[in-house]
N, C-alpha and C. Protein backbone atom coordinates (compact mmCIF):
# COMPACT_ATOMS: atom_id res chain seq x y z
N MET A 1 -66.73 3.12 84.21
CA MET A 1 -66.63 3.79 82.51
C MET A 1 -67.53 5.23 82.82
N PRO A 2 -67.10 5.93 82.30
CA PRO A 2 -67.43 7.28 82.25
C PRO A 2 -68.63 7.79 81.76
N GLN A 3 -69.58 8.72 82.79
CA GLN A 3 -70.64 8.88 82.18
C GLN A 3 -70.97 9.50 81.53
N GLU A 4 -71.95 9.47 80.34
CA GLU A 4 -72.27 10.31 79.59
C GLU A 4 -73.15 11.29 80.13
N LYS A 5 -72.63 12.13 80.91
CA LYS A 5 -73.46 13.25 81.73
C LYS A 5 -72.92 14.87 81.56
N ALA A 6 -74.16 15.54 81.83
CA ALA A 6 -73.28 17.00 80.96
C ALA A 6 -73.31 17.76 82.65
N PRO A 7 -72.76 19.13 82.78
CA PRO A 7 -72.75 19.89 83.59
C PRO A 7 -74.09 20.20 84.11
N PRO A 8 -74.56 20.64 85.05
CA PRO A 8 -76.17 20.84 85.76
C PRO A 8 -76.63 22.14 84.79
N ALA A 9 -77.81 22.13 84.38
CA ALA A 9 -78.10 23.29 83.81
C ALA A 9 -77.54 23.50 82.51
N MET A 10 -77.20 22.49 81.60
CA MET A 10 -76.22 22.90 79.99
C MET A 10 -77.08 23.36 79.41
N ASP A 11 -76.75 24.21 78.94
CA ASP A 11 -77.26 25.22 77.20
C ASP A 11 -77.05 24.69 76.24
N TRP A 12 -77.82 23.38 76.03
CA TRP A 12 -77.75 22.77 74.66
C TRP A 12 -77.57 23.83 73.62
N GLY A 13 -78.38 25.07 73.56
CA GLY A 13 -78.20 25.81 72.50
C GLY A 13 -76.84 26.16 72.22
N LYS A 14 -75.95 26.73 73.24
CA LYS A 14 -74.23 27.08 73.29
C LYS A 14 -73.84 25.72 72.74
N VAL A 15 -73.92 24.63 73.25
CA VAL A 15 -73.18 23.63 72.93
C VAL A 15 -73.57 23.31 71.23
N GLU A 16 -74.51 23.32 71.03
CA GLU A 16 -74.84 23.14 69.39
C GLU A 16 -74.10 24.30 68.64
N ALA A 17 -74.38 25.48 69.21
CA ALA A 17 -73.63 26.59 68.44
C ALA A 17 -71.90 26.53 68.48
N SER A 18 -71.40 25.71 69.10
CA SER A 18 -70.13 25.38 69.31
C SER A 18 -69.61 24.48 68.22
N LEU A 19 -70.49 23.66 68.15
CA LEU A 19 -69.98 22.38 67.09
C LEU A 19 -70.13 23.08 65.88
N LEU A 20 -70.40 24.22 65.57
CA LEU A 20 -70.26 24.90 63.87
C LEU A 20 -69.07 25.37 63.73
N GLN A 21 -68.16 25.05 64.63
CA GLN A 21 -66.87 25.52 64.43
C GLN A 21 -65.60 24.47 63.81
N LEU A 22 -66.56 23.29 63.96
CA LEU A 22 -65.65 22.34 63.37
C LEU A 22 -65.96 22.21 61.88
N GLU A 23 -64.68 21.62 61.20
CA GLU A 23 -64.48 21.51 59.69
C GLU A 23 -65.84 20.72 59.28
N SER A 24 -66.51 21.55 58.31
CA SER A 24 -67.61 20.74 57.76
C SER A 24 -68.90 20.56 57.56
N VAL A 25 -68.92 20.91 59.24
CA VAL A 25 -69.72 20.78 60.01
C VAL A 25 -71.07 22.42 59.90
N GLU A 26 -72.49 22.06 58.99
CA GLU A 26 -73.35 23.29 58.84
C GLU A 26 -74.25 23.32 59.95
N GLY A 27 -74.34 22.20 60.70
CA GLY A 27 -75.90 22.10 61.51
C GLY A 27 -75.48 21.30 62.81
N ALA A 28 -76.03 21.63 63.65
CA ALA A 28 -76.03 20.42 64.76
C ALA A 28 -77.34 20.48 65.62
N ARG A 29 -77.73 19.35 65.97
CA ARG A 29 -79.09 18.98 67.22
C ARG A 29 -78.60 18.20 68.17
N ILE A 30 -78.92 18.48 69.05
CA ILE A 30 -78.32 17.69 70.43
C ILE A 30 -79.92 17.29 71.05
N VAL A 31 -80.08 15.91 71.31
CA VAL A 31 -81.36 15.51 71.88
C VAL A 31 -80.70 14.98 73.28
N PRO A 32 -81.27 15.95 74.35
CA PRO A 32 -80.88 15.20 75.75
C PRO A 32 -81.74 14.16 76.34
N ASP A 33 -80.79 13.41 77.28
CA ASP A 33 -81.53 12.53 77.94
C ASP A 33 -82.38 12.60 79.16
N PRO A 34 -83.01 12.43 79.76
CA PRO A 34 -83.61 12.61 81.05
C PRO A 34 -82.57 12.82 82.10
N ALA A 35 -81.81 11.97 82.01
CA ALA A 35 -80.56 12.26 83.10
C ALA A 35 -79.85 13.20 83.28
N GLY A 36 -79.75 14.01 82.02
CA GLY A 36 -79.20 15.40 81.86
C GLY A 36 -77.99 15.19 80.69
N GLY A 37 -77.60 13.60 80.34
CA GLY A 37 -76.70 13.68 79.44
C GLY A 37 -77.28 13.91 78.09
N ILE A 38 -76.46 13.24 76.88
CA ILE A 38 -76.72 13.28 75.61
C ILE A 38 -77.33 12.06 75.21
N ALA A 39 -78.49 12.26 74.44
CA ALA A 39 -79.40 11.01 74.05
C ALA A 39 -78.74 10.68 72.48
N GLU A 40 -78.82 11.59 71.68
CA GLU A 40 -78.65 11.57 70.65
C GLU A 40 -77.52 13.01 69.84
N VAL A 41 -76.78 12.60 69.09
CA VAL A 41 -76.28 14.44 68.13
C VAL A 41 -76.25 14.07 66.78
N HIS A 42 -77.10 14.66 65.83
CA HIS A 42 -77.42 14.92 65.00
C HIS A 42 -76.61 15.84 64.06
N ILE A 43 -75.73 15.59 63.20
CA ILE A 43 -74.97 16.36 62.77
C ILE A 43 -75.11 16.58 60.78
N LEU A 44 -74.83 18.09 60.72
CA LEU A 44 -75.54 18.62 58.79
C LEU A 44 -74.08 18.62 58.45
N ALA A 45 -73.58 18.19 57.63
CA ALA A 45 -72.03 18.54 57.26
C ALA A 45 -72.04 18.22 55.60
N LYS A 46 -71.14 19.12 55.08
CA LYS A 46 -70.69 18.79 53.68
C LYS A 46 -69.97 17.73 53.56
N SER A 47 -70.15 17.50 52.41
CA SER A 47 -69.74 15.74 51.83
C SER A 47 -68.22 15.74 51.52
N SER A 48 -67.66 16.75 51.84
CA SER A 48 -66.26 17.12 51.79
C SER A 48 -65.26 16.06 52.77
N ARG A 49 -66.17 15.56 53.78
CA ARG A 49 -65.15 14.49 54.68
C ARG A 49 -65.92 13.38 54.94
N SER A 50 -65.23 12.49 55.29
CA SER A 50 -66.13 11.23 55.75
C SER A 50 -67.21 11.29 57.20
N PRO A 51 -68.07 10.69 57.27
CA PRO A 51 -68.98 10.76 58.47
C PRO A 51 -68.24 10.40 59.60
N LYS A 52 -67.28 9.12 59.85
CA LYS A 52 -66.29 8.70 60.82
C LYS A 52 -65.59 9.58 61.16
N MET A 53 -64.89 10.84 60.27
CA MET A 53 -63.87 11.77 60.56
C MET A 53 -64.95 12.43 61.17
N ILE A 54 -65.98 13.43 61.00
CA ILE A 54 -66.71 14.09 61.01
C ILE A 54 -67.04 13.99 63.02
N ALA A 55 -67.31 12.41 63.07
CA ALA A 55 -67.93 11.90 64.23
C ALA A 55 -66.84 12.08 65.30
N ARG A 56 -65.84 11.72 65.19
CA ARG A 56 -64.83 11.58 65.89
C ARG A 56 -64.63 12.98 66.15
N ASP A 57 -64.45 14.14 65.37
CA ASP A 57 -64.30 15.60 65.56
C ASP A 57 -65.30 15.70 66.73
N VAL A 58 -66.61 15.52 66.41
CA VAL A 58 -67.71 15.82 67.40
C VAL A 58 -67.40 15.38 68.60
N GLN A 59 -66.99 14.30 68.81
CA GLN A 59 -66.39 13.42 70.13
C GLN A 59 -65.22 14.04 70.99
N SER A 60 -64.50 14.38 70.31
CA SER A 60 -63.31 14.90 70.51
C SER A 60 -63.41 16.55 71.47
N PHE A 61 -64.29 17.30 70.44
CA PHE A 61 -64.55 18.54 70.83
C PHE A 61 -65.60 18.91 72.13
N LEU A 62 -66.42 17.73 72.30
CA LEU A 62 -66.97 17.93 73.16
C LEU A 62 -66.70 17.32 74.48
N ILE A 63 -65.95 16.20 74.65
CA ILE A 63 -65.16 16.35 75.44
C ILE A 63 -63.83 17.17 76.37
N THR A 64 -63.34 17.92 74.83
CA THR A 64 -61.97 18.95 75.47
C THR A 64 -62.65 20.14 75.74
N ARG A 65 -63.90 20.54 75.45
CA ARG A 65 -64.69 22.09 75.09
C ARG A 65 -65.67 21.83 76.78
N TRP A 66 -66.11 21.04 76.60
CA TRP A 66 -67.45 20.64 77.26
C TRP A 66 -67.35 19.77 78.28
N GLY A 67 -66.60 18.88 78.31
CA GLY A 67 -66.39 18.00 79.39
C GLY A 67 -67.59 16.64 79.43
N ILE A 68 -67.76 16.55 78.17
CA ILE A 68 -69.20 15.34 77.66
C ILE A 68 -68.54 14.45 77.05
N ARG A 69 -68.87 13.61 78.01
CA ARG A 69 -68.08 11.94 76.64
C ARG A 69 -69.51 11.39 75.87
N VAL A 70 -69.50 11.35 74.71
CA VAL A 70 -70.60 10.78 73.72
C VAL A 70 -70.22 9.46 73.31
N ASP A 71 -71.07 8.24 73.25
CA ASP A 71 -70.65 7.36 72.72
C ASP A 71 -70.77 7.53 71.10
N HIS A 72 -69.89 6.63 70.64
CA HIS A 72 -70.13 7.10 68.68
C HIS A 72 -71.11 6.71 68.11
N ARG A 73 -71.78 5.64 68.45
CA ARG A 73 -73.33 5.46 67.95
C ARG A 73 -74.20 6.34 68.31
N LYS A 74 -73.99 7.21 69.33
CA LYS A 74 -75.18 8.33 69.36
C LYS A 74 -74.85 9.61 68.55
N VAL A 75 -73.85 9.43 67.71
CA VAL A 75 -73.61 10.48 66.53
C VAL A 75 -74.12 10.18 65.42
N SER A 76 -74.84 10.72 64.78
CA SER A 76 -75.51 10.61 63.14
C SER A 76 -75.07 11.74 62.57
N VAL A 77 -74.22 11.40 61.16
CA VAL A 77 -74.33 12.23 60.44
C VAL A 77 -74.75 12.64 59.06
N ALA A 78 -75.42 13.94 58.63
CA ALA A 78 -76.25 13.60 57.02
C ALA A 78 -75.43 14.49 56.39
N ARG A 79 -74.97 14.47 55.43
CA ARG A 79 -74.46 14.98 54.37
C ARG A 79 -74.70 15.82 53.20
N PHE A 80 -74.30 16.42 52.86
CA PHE A 80 -74.99 17.12 51.56
C PHE A 80 -73.85 17.90 50.40
N GLU A 81 -74.28 18.04 49.47
CA GLU A 81 -72.89 18.75 48.17
C GLU A 81 -73.04 20.00 48.71
N ASP A 82 -71.61 20.75 48.14
CA ASP A 82 -71.93 22.12 48.21
C ASP A 82 -73.11 23.03 47.49
N GLU A 83 -73.34 22.48 46.39
CA GLU A 83 -74.18 23.22 45.38
C GLU A 83 -75.15 22.29 45.04
N ALA A 84 -75.49 22.00 44.11
CA ALA A 84 -76.65 21.31 44.06
C ALA A 84 -76.41 19.75 44.38
N VAL A 85 -77.37 19.72 45.73
CA VAL A 85 -77.56 18.32 46.46
C VAL A 85 -78.33 17.21 45.70
N VAL A 86 -78.07 16.19 45.48
CA VAL A 86 -78.41 15.04 44.74
C VAL A 86 -78.98 13.88 45.61
N ALA A 87 -80.13 13.57 45.59
CA ALA A 87 -80.64 12.53 46.43
C ALA A 87 -81.13 11.23 45.82
N SER A 88 -81.00 10.05 46.37
CA SER A 88 -81.64 9.21 45.23
C SER A 88 -82.73 8.38 45.26
N GLU A 89 -83.19 8.80 47.01
CA GLU A 89 -84.45 7.91 47.88
C GLU A 89 -85.59 8.92 47.06
N VAL A 90 -85.61 9.97 46.47
CA VAL A 90 -86.67 10.56 46.24
C VAL A 90 -86.70 10.78 44.76
N PRO A 91 -87.46 10.18 43.95
CA PRO A 91 -87.18 10.20 42.30
C PRO A 91 -87.76 11.78 41.80
N ARG A 92 -87.39 12.07 40.63
CA ARG A 92 -87.85 13.57 40.28
C ARG A 92 -89.13 12.95 39.59
N LEU A 93 -90.09 14.22 40.04
CA LEU A 93 -91.55 14.32 39.62
C LEU A 93 -91.83 15.06 38.71
N ALA A 94 -92.48 14.45 37.52
CA ALA A 94 -92.78 15.56 36.68
C ALA A 94 -94.12 16.71 36.74
N LEU A 95 -94.17 17.59 36.32
CA LEU A 95 -95.20 18.62 36.66
C LEU A 95 -96.25 18.08 35.63
N GLN A 96 -97.49 18.01 35.84
CA GLN A 96 -98.07 17.54 34.83
C GLN A 96 -99.39 18.69 34.50
N SER A 97 -100.25 19.15 35.63
CA SER A 97 -100.80 20.43 35.22
C SER A 97 -100.59 21.58 36.71
N VAL A 98 -101.34 22.71 36.13
CA VAL A 98 -101.13 23.52 37.16
C VAL A 98 -102.45 24.46 37.01
N ARG A 99 -103.96 24.42 37.55
CA ARG A 99 -105.07 24.72 37.55
C ARG A 99 -105.20 26.01 38.37
N LEU A 100 -105.62 27.12 37.91
CA LEU A 100 -106.29 28.25 38.88
C LEU A 100 -107.79 28.34 38.74
N THR A 101 -108.38 28.21 39.60
CA THR A 101 -109.63 28.72 40.25
C THR A 101 -110.06 29.92 40.60
N VAL A 102 -110.90 30.51 40.00
CA VAL A 102 -111.30 32.04 41.09
C VAL A 102 -112.85 32.01 41.25
N THR A 103 -112.84 32.22 42.60
CA THR A 103 -114.30 32.50 43.14
C THR A 103 -114.50 33.58 44.11
N ALA A 104 -115.14 34.82 43.50
CA ALA A 104 -115.20 35.58 44.38
C ALA A 104 -113.89 36.34 44.38
N GLU A 105 -113.48 36.57 45.52
CA GLU A 105 -112.38 37.17 46.23
C GLU A 105 -111.49 36.19 46.58
N LEU A 106 -111.43 35.00 46.23
CA LEU A 106 -110.48 33.76 46.54
C LEU A 106 -110.10 33.18 45.76
N ALA A 107 -108.87 32.56 45.66
CA ALA A 107 -108.49 31.88 44.28
C ALA A 107 -107.73 30.64 44.92
N ALA A 108 -108.08 29.33 44.01
CA ALA A 108 -107.29 28.09 44.69
C ALA A 108 -106.47 27.50 43.39
N VAL A 109 -105.34 26.64 43.94
CA VAL A 109 -104.56 26.18 43.08
C VAL A 109 -104.58 24.82 43.03
N GLU A 110 -104.25 24.20 41.98
CA GLU A 110 -104.41 22.97 42.27
C GLU A 110 -103.14 22.28 41.42
N VAL A 111 -102.23 21.49 41.53
CA VAL A 111 -100.98 21.20 41.12
C VAL A 111 -101.20 19.44 41.15
N GLU A 112 -100.52 19.10 39.70
CA GLU A 112 -100.72 17.72 39.78
C GLU A 112 -99.29 17.12 39.16
N LEU A 113 -98.97 16.38 39.74
CA LEU A 113 -97.29 15.92 39.70
C LEU A 113 -97.38 14.46 39.43
N ALA A 114 -96.73 13.59 38.38
CA ALA A 114 -96.52 12.48 38.16
C ALA A 114 -95.20 11.88 38.24
N GLY A 115 -95.38 10.56 39.05
CA GLY A 115 -93.92 10.06 38.96
C GLY A 115 -94.49 8.38 39.33
N ARG A 116 -93.50 7.45 39.27
CA ARG A 116 -93.70 6.23 39.49
C ARG A 116 -95.28 5.70 39.34
N GLU A 117 -95.82 6.07 38.44
CA GLU A 117 -97.29 5.22 37.85
C GLU A 117 -98.24 6.04 38.78
N THR A 118 -97.85 7.20 39.50
CA THR A 118 -98.85 7.53 40.86
C THR A 118 -99.13 9.00 40.43
N LEU A 119 -100.05 9.53 40.79
CA LEU A 119 -100.43 11.18 40.63
C LEU A 119 -100.53 11.80 41.83
N PHE A 120 -99.67 12.93 42.15
CA PHE A 120 -99.54 13.28 43.32
C PHE A 120 -100.25 14.79 43.52
N VAL A 121 -101.13 15.06 44.05
CA VAL A 121 -102.25 16.01 43.76
C VAL A 121 -101.70 17.24 45.26
N GLY A 122 -101.77 18.64 45.01
CA GLY A 122 -101.62 19.30 45.87
C GLY A 122 -102.61 20.37 45.40
N ARG A 123 -102.98 21.05 46.75
CA ARG A 123 -104.14 22.24 46.55
C ARG A 123 -103.74 23.30 47.73
N ALA A 124 -104.36 24.58 47.26
CA ALA A 124 -103.54 25.59 48.01
C ALA A 124 -104.91 26.67 48.04
N LYS A 125 -105.62 27.76 48.90
CA LYS A 125 -106.07 28.77 48.48
C LYS A 125 -105.90 29.82 49.44
N GLY A 126 -106.39 30.85 48.83
CA GLY A 126 -106.24 32.28 49.43
C GLY A 126 -106.85 33.57 48.67
N PRO A 127 -106.66 34.53 49.51
CA PRO A 127 -106.68 35.94 48.53
C PRO A 127 -106.16 35.63 47.16
N LEU A 128 -106.98 36.78 46.44
CA LEU A 128 -106.94 37.03 44.93
C LEU A 128 -106.23 37.87 44.57
N THR A 129 -104.70 37.85 44.97
CA THR A 129 -103.90 38.91 44.39
C THR A 129 -102.64 38.52 43.78
N PRO A 130 -102.37 39.21 42.92
CA PRO A 130 -100.87 38.74 42.03
C PRO A 130 -99.66 37.83 42.83
N ASP A 131 -99.61 38.62 43.58
CA ASP A 131 -98.37 37.85 44.42
C ASP A 131 -98.94 36.74 45.52
N HIS A 132 -99.92 36.97 45.82
CA HIS A 132 -100.67 35.69 46.68
C HIS A 132 -100.77 34.86 45.58
N VAL A 133 -101.38 34.91 44.41
CA VAL A 133 -101.54 33.31 43.40
C VAL A 133 -100.38 32.54 42.99
N LEU A 134 -98.95 33.47 43.08
CA LEU A 134 -98.01 32.78 42.86
C LEU A 134 -97.65 31.99 44.10
N ARG A 135 -97.82 32.58 45.40
CA ARG A 135 -97.66 31.78 46.30
C ARG A 135 -98.47 30.37 46.58
N LEU A 136 -99.55 30.70 46.41
CA LEU A 136 -100.60 29.51 46.24
C LEU A 136 -99.83 28.49 45.29
N ALA A 137 -99.23 28.98 44.07
CA ALA A 137 -99.11 27.97 43.37
C ALA A 137 -97.80 26.93 44.00
N ALA A 138 -96.92 27.71 44.83
CA ALA A 138 -95.64 27.31 45.65
C ALA A 138 -96.38 26.17 46.19
N GLU A 139 -96.91 26.85 47.21
CA GLU A 139 -97.31 25.90 48.39
C GLU A 139 -98.37 24.77 47.87
N ALA A 140 -99.06 24.85 46.91
CA ALA A 140 -99.90 23.59 46.00
C ALA A 140 -98.78 22.62 45.74
N THR A 141 -97.93 23.11 45.14
CA THR A 141 -96.83 22.38 44.55
C THR A 141 -95.92 21.25 45.89
N LEU A 142 -95.59 22.37 47.08
CA LEU A 142 -95.14 21.31 47.54
C LEU A 142 -96.19 20.52 48.78
N GLU A 143 -97.27 20.90 48.55
CA GLU A 143 -98.37 19.99 49.39
C GLU A 143 -98.51 18.37 48.32
N ALA A 144 -98.22 18.79 47.28
CA ALA A 144 -98.08 17.68 46.37
C ALA A 144 -96.97 16.90 46.32
N LEU A 145 -95.91 17.17 46.64
CA LEU A 145 -94.59 16.56 47.52
C LEU A 145 -94.64 15.99 48.75
N LYS A 146 -95.45 16.59 49.39
CA LYS A 146 -95.78 16.17 51.09
C LYS A 146 -95.27 14.94 51.43
N ASN A 147 -95.98 14.05 50.92
CA ASN A 147 -96.28 12.60 51.20
C ASN A 147 -94.59 12.02 50.97
N ASP A 148 -94.34 12.24 49.53
CA ASP A 148 -93.25 11.77 49.20
C ASP A 148 -92.18 12.17 49.66
N LEU A 149 -91.72 13.57 50.39
CA LEU A 149 -90.63 14.15 50.99
C LEU A 149 -90.70 13.10 52.53
N ALA A 150 -92.02 12.87 52.87
CA ALA A 150 -91.92 12.36 54.17
C ALA A 150 -91.44 10.76 54.57
N ARG A 151 -91.36 10.35 53.24
CA ARG A 151 -90.77 9.40 53.30
C ARG A 151 -89.46 8.81 53.63
N VAL A 152 -88.71 10.05 53.36
CA VAL A 152 -87.10 10.31 53.46
C VAL A 152 -87.18 11.29 54.76
N HIS A 153 -88.06 11.65 55.47
CA HIS A 153 -88.07 12.26 56.68
C HIS A 153 -87.70 13.78 56.43
N LEU A 154 -88.42 14.20 55.37
CA LEU A 154 -88.14 15.87 54.87
C LEU A 154 -89.55 16.41 54.98
N ARG A 155 -89.48 17.70 55.28
CA ARG A 155 -90.57 18.82 55.51
C ARG A 155 -89.78 19.90 54.86
N ALA A 156 -90.72 20.42 53.83
CA ALA A 156 -90.56 21.43 53.07
C ALA A 156 -91.13 22.58 53.23
N ILE A 157 -90.37 23.63 53.58
CA ILE A 157 -91.40 25.24 54.00
C ILE A 157 -91.13 26.16 53.07
N LEU A 158 -92.13 26.92 52.04
CA LEU A 158 -91.89 27.91 51.38
C LEU A 158 -91.51 29.07 52.49
N ARG A 159 -90.30 29.89 51.78
CA ARG A 159 -89.51 31.18 52.30
C ARG A 159 -89.86 32.33 51.83
N SER A 160 -89.66 32.19 49.98
CA SER A 160 -90.20 33.49 49.33
C SER A 160 -89.92 33.02 48.20
N ILE A 161 -90.77 34.18 47.47
CA ILE A 161 -91.01 33.74 45.74
C ILE A 161 -90.77 35.07 45.29
N ARG A 162 -90.04 35.03 44.14
CA ARG A 162 -90.01 36.25 43.56
C ARG A 162 -89.92 36.40 42.11
N ILE A 163 -90.34 37.39 41.16
CA ILE A 163 -90.04 37.34 39.81
C ILE A 163 -88.84 38.21 39.70
N HIS A 164 -87.64 37.78 39.16
CA HIS A 164 -86.50 38.38 38.80
C HIS A 164 -85.97 38.64 37.16
N PRO A 165 -85.49 40.02 36.54
CA PRO A 165 -85.01 39.47 35.60
C PRO A 165 -83.70 38.89 35.34
N VAL A 166 -83.40 37.60 34.33
CA VAL A 166 -82.27 37.41 34.61
C VAL A 166 -82.03 37.24 32.97
N ALA A 167 -80.48 37.61 32.38
CA ALA A 167 -80.49 37.77 31.33
C ALA A 167 -81.28 38.17 30.29
N GLY A 168 -81.95 39.52 30.44
CA GLY A 168 -82.71 39.93 29.86
C GLY A 168 -84.17 39.16 29.67
N ARG A 169 -84.49 38.00 30.58
CA ARG A 169 -85.73 37.12 30.55
C ARG A 169 -86.29 37.33 31.81
N ARG A 170 -87.54 36.71 31.95
CA ARG A 170 -88.35 37.23 33.42
C ARG A 170 -88.04 35.55 34.14
N ALA A 171 -87.83 35.46 35.40
CA ALA A 171 -87.91 34.01 35.84
C ALA A 171 -88.40 34.04 37.08
N ILE A 172 -88.19 33.36 37.40
CA ILE A 172 -89.02 33.16 39.21
C ILE A 172 -87.85 32.36 40.03
N LEU A 173 -87.99 32.57 41.16
CA LEU A 173 -86.84 32.44 42.03
C LEU A 173 -87.69 31.86 43.44
N VAL A 174 -87.28 30.90 43.81
CA VAL A 174 -88.02 30.23 45.07
C VAL A 174 -87.13 29.99 45.94
N LEU A 175 -87.44 30.39 47.31
CA LEU A 175 -86.40 29.70 48.19
C LEU A 175 -87.01 28.84 49.49
N VAL A 176 -86.77 27.51 49.40
CA VAL A 176 -87.24 26.51 50.39
C VAL A 176 -86.18 26.07 51.37
N ASN A 177 -86.93 25.96 52.22
CA ASN A 177 -86.24 25.15 53.55
C ASN A 177 -86.61 24.03 53.84
N LEU A 178 -85.51 23.09 53.54
CA LEU A 178 -85.64 21.55 53.99
C LEU A 178 -85.43 21.03 55.23
N VAL A 179 -86.56 20.81 55.91
CA VAL A 179 -86.32 20.21 57.12
C VAL A 179 -85.98 19.00 57.56
N SER A 180 -85.03 18.39 58.20
CA SER A 180 -84.93 16.80 58.87
C SER A 180 -84.62 16.94 60.18
N PRO A 181 -84.67 15.48 60.91
CA PRO A 181 -84.52 15.54 62.09
C PRO A 181 -83.29 15.68 61.98
N TYR A 182 -82.16 15.81 61.55
CA TYR A 182 -81.01 16.20 61.08
C TYR A 182 -80.35 17.77 61.34
N GLY A 183 -81.37 18.51 60.74
CA GLY A 183 -81.05 19.97 60.59
C GLY A 183 -81.88 20.68 59.52
N GLU A 184 -81.51 21.90 59.14
CA GLU A 184 -82.00 22.54 58.19
C GLU A 184 -81.13 22.96 56.63
N LEU A 185 -81.50 22.85 55.77
CA LEU A 185 -80.80 23.23 54.25
C LEU A 185 -81.80 24.30 53.63
N LEU A 186 -81.65 25.58 53.50
CA LEU A 186 -82.36 26.48 52.36
C LEU A 186 -81.77 26.27 51.17
N VAL A 187 -81.97 25.84 50.28
CA VAL A 187 -82.25 25.89 48.67
C VAL A 187 -83.28 26.91 47.93
N VAL A 188 -82.35 26.90 46.66
CA VAL A 188 -82.79 27.63 45.81
C VAL A 188 -83.42 27.22 44.69
N GLY A 189 -84.37 27.63 43.86
CA GLY A 189 -85.08 26.84 42.88
C GLY A 189 -85.08 27.97 41.83
N SER A 190 -85.14 27.83 40.44
CA SER A 190 -85.62 28.80 39.56
C SER A 190 -86.10 28.13 38.67
N ALA A 191 -86.70 29.37 37.59
CA ALA A 191 -87.50 28.49 36.24
C ALA A 191 -87.88 29.75 35.07
N TYR A 192 -87.34 29.81 34.23
CA TYR A 192 -87.65 30.80 33.48
C TYR A 192 -89.28 30.87 32.85
N ILE A 193 -89.86 32.31 32.88
CA ILE A 193 -91.55 32.02 32.70
C ILE A 193 -91.88 31.44 31.24
N ARG A 194 -92.26 30.95 31.00
CA ARG A 194 -92.30 30.30 29.42
C ARG A 194 -93.97 30.14 29.33
N ARG A 195 -94.64 29.22 29.88
CA ARG A 195 -95.82 29.08 29.46
C ARG A 195 -96.65 29.93 30.36
N ASN A 196 -96.78 30.31 31.89
CA ASN A 196 -97.48 31.40 32.37
C ASN A 196 -96.30 31.01 33.41
N GLU A 197 -96.73 32.00 34.42
CA GLU A 197 -96.31 32.69 35.63
C GLU A 197 -96.43 31.21 36.90
N LEU A 198 -97.43 30.55 37.02
CA LEU A 198 -98.03 29.52 37.67
C LEU A 198 -97.14 28.43 37.46
N TRP A 199 -97.39 27.79 36.16
CA TRP A 199 -96.33 26.84 35.84
C TRP A 199 -95.13 26.96 35.96
N SER A 200 -94.14 28.25 35.84
CA SER A 200 -93.13 28.51 36.22
C SER A 200 -92.78 28.57 37.51
N THR A 201 -93.90 28.85 38.51
CA THR A 201 -93.58 28.77 39.93
C THR A 201 -93.65 27.13 40.39
N SER A 202 -94.10 26.47 40.07
CA SER A 202 -94.26 25.14 40.15
C SER A 202 -93.01 24.73 39.95
N GLN A 203 -92.60 24.71 38.42
CA GLN A 203 -91.11 24.57 37.90
C GLN A 203 -90.29 24.79 38.96
N ALA A 204 -90.13 26.09 39.36
CA ALA A 204 -89.17 26.19 40.17
C ALA A 204 -89.10 25.98 41.64
N VAL A 205 -90.17 25.50 42.56
CA VAL A 205 -90.23 24.86 43.22
C VAL A 205 -89.64 23.52 42.98
N LEU A 206 -89.98 22.56 42.02
CA LEU A 206 -89.60 21.31 41.94
C LEU A 206 -87.49 21.36 42.05
N ASP A 207 -87.42 22.37 41.08
CA ASP A 207 -86.29 22.71 40.82
C ASP A 207 -85.35 22.90 42.55
N ALA A 208 -86.17 23.65 43.01
CA ALA A 208 -85.54 23.84 44.76
C ALA A 208 -85.23 22.36 45.08
N VAL A 209 -86.35 21.43 45.30
CA VAL A 209 -86.77 20.36 46.04
C VAL A 209 -85.59 19.39 45.50
N ASN A 210 -85.53 19.45 44.08
CA ASN A 210 -84.21 18.35 43.83
C ASN A 210 -83.28 18.67 43.89
N ARG A 211 -83.09 19.63 44.58
CA ARG A 211 -81.51 20.23 45.41
C ARG A 211 -81.37 20.17 46.60
N ARG A 212 -81.99 18.66 47.12
CA ARG A 212 -82.16 18.41 48.57
C ARG A 212 -81.46 17.51 49.30
N LEU A 213 -81.37 17.18 50.46
CA LEU A 213 -80.58 16.41 51.23
C LEU A 213 -79.90 15.06 50.81
N THR A 214 -78.91 14.71 50.66
CA THR A 214 -78.49 12.99 50.52
C THR A 214 -79.00 12.23 51.67
N MET A 215 -79.91 11.75 51.98
CA MET A 215 -80.65 11.31 53.02
C MET A 215 -79.92 9.69 53.27
N ASP A 216 -78.37 9.61 53.11
CA ASP A 216 -78.04 8.21 53.70
C ASP A 216 -76.96 8.57 54.69
N THR A 217 -77.98 9.21 55.73
CA THR A 217 -77.81 9.43 57.04
C THR A 217 -77.25 8.07 57.57
N MET A 218 -75.90 7.82 58.34
CA MET A 218 -75.64 6.81 59.36
C MET A 218 -74.98 7.17 60.47
N ALA A 219 -75.55 6.33 61.73
CA ALA A 219 -74.85 6.24 62.68
C ALA A 219 -73.18 5.88 62.57
N VAL A 220 -72.41 6.09 63.15
CA VAL A 220 -71.00 6.00 62.91
C VAL A 220 -70.38 5.73 64.11
């Protein structure tokens, strides 16, 4: 039986990058084994094709392009929708409260989210400047979401937050990076400023996180 080994000094980064040439594949991560072969292949792909088809493409590509044989059981595929990504494992949480406390030159934001008869609380503190206070509201919201996201192996990182005019109204736009063992996905969330900027910032973060990965990852 062929050994699942790669040539010496294989540049796994190049192999991962080359896998992005395959149809529907948006991300790839290879976990090498101590013997110099492949222990795991994690693929992040659009849901337009089945996981089995994508896994077969990965196997064929690795052998023809790199001379590496991989057992199909080592290839896992996580799929996401092209636009609004829906996940069933993480229920939507409702924004309960956003509180700002100011002491000297520091600001502290506390966010409460309600869901499944449980209250999730997140806190963040930092310099008292208008731009940074919005960031604190976003980070406190992500902190409140942290444990719930961890249940499905997701971690959220705030990338940017801005106030933009949209159709003559002011809106909060946020970019959040969702990180899983299978790759990363950049998602955007938005909310019109109604009650106040901090409240709308938390709403925008929740909107972004609701555009998350479908974590029905399967080994094929």
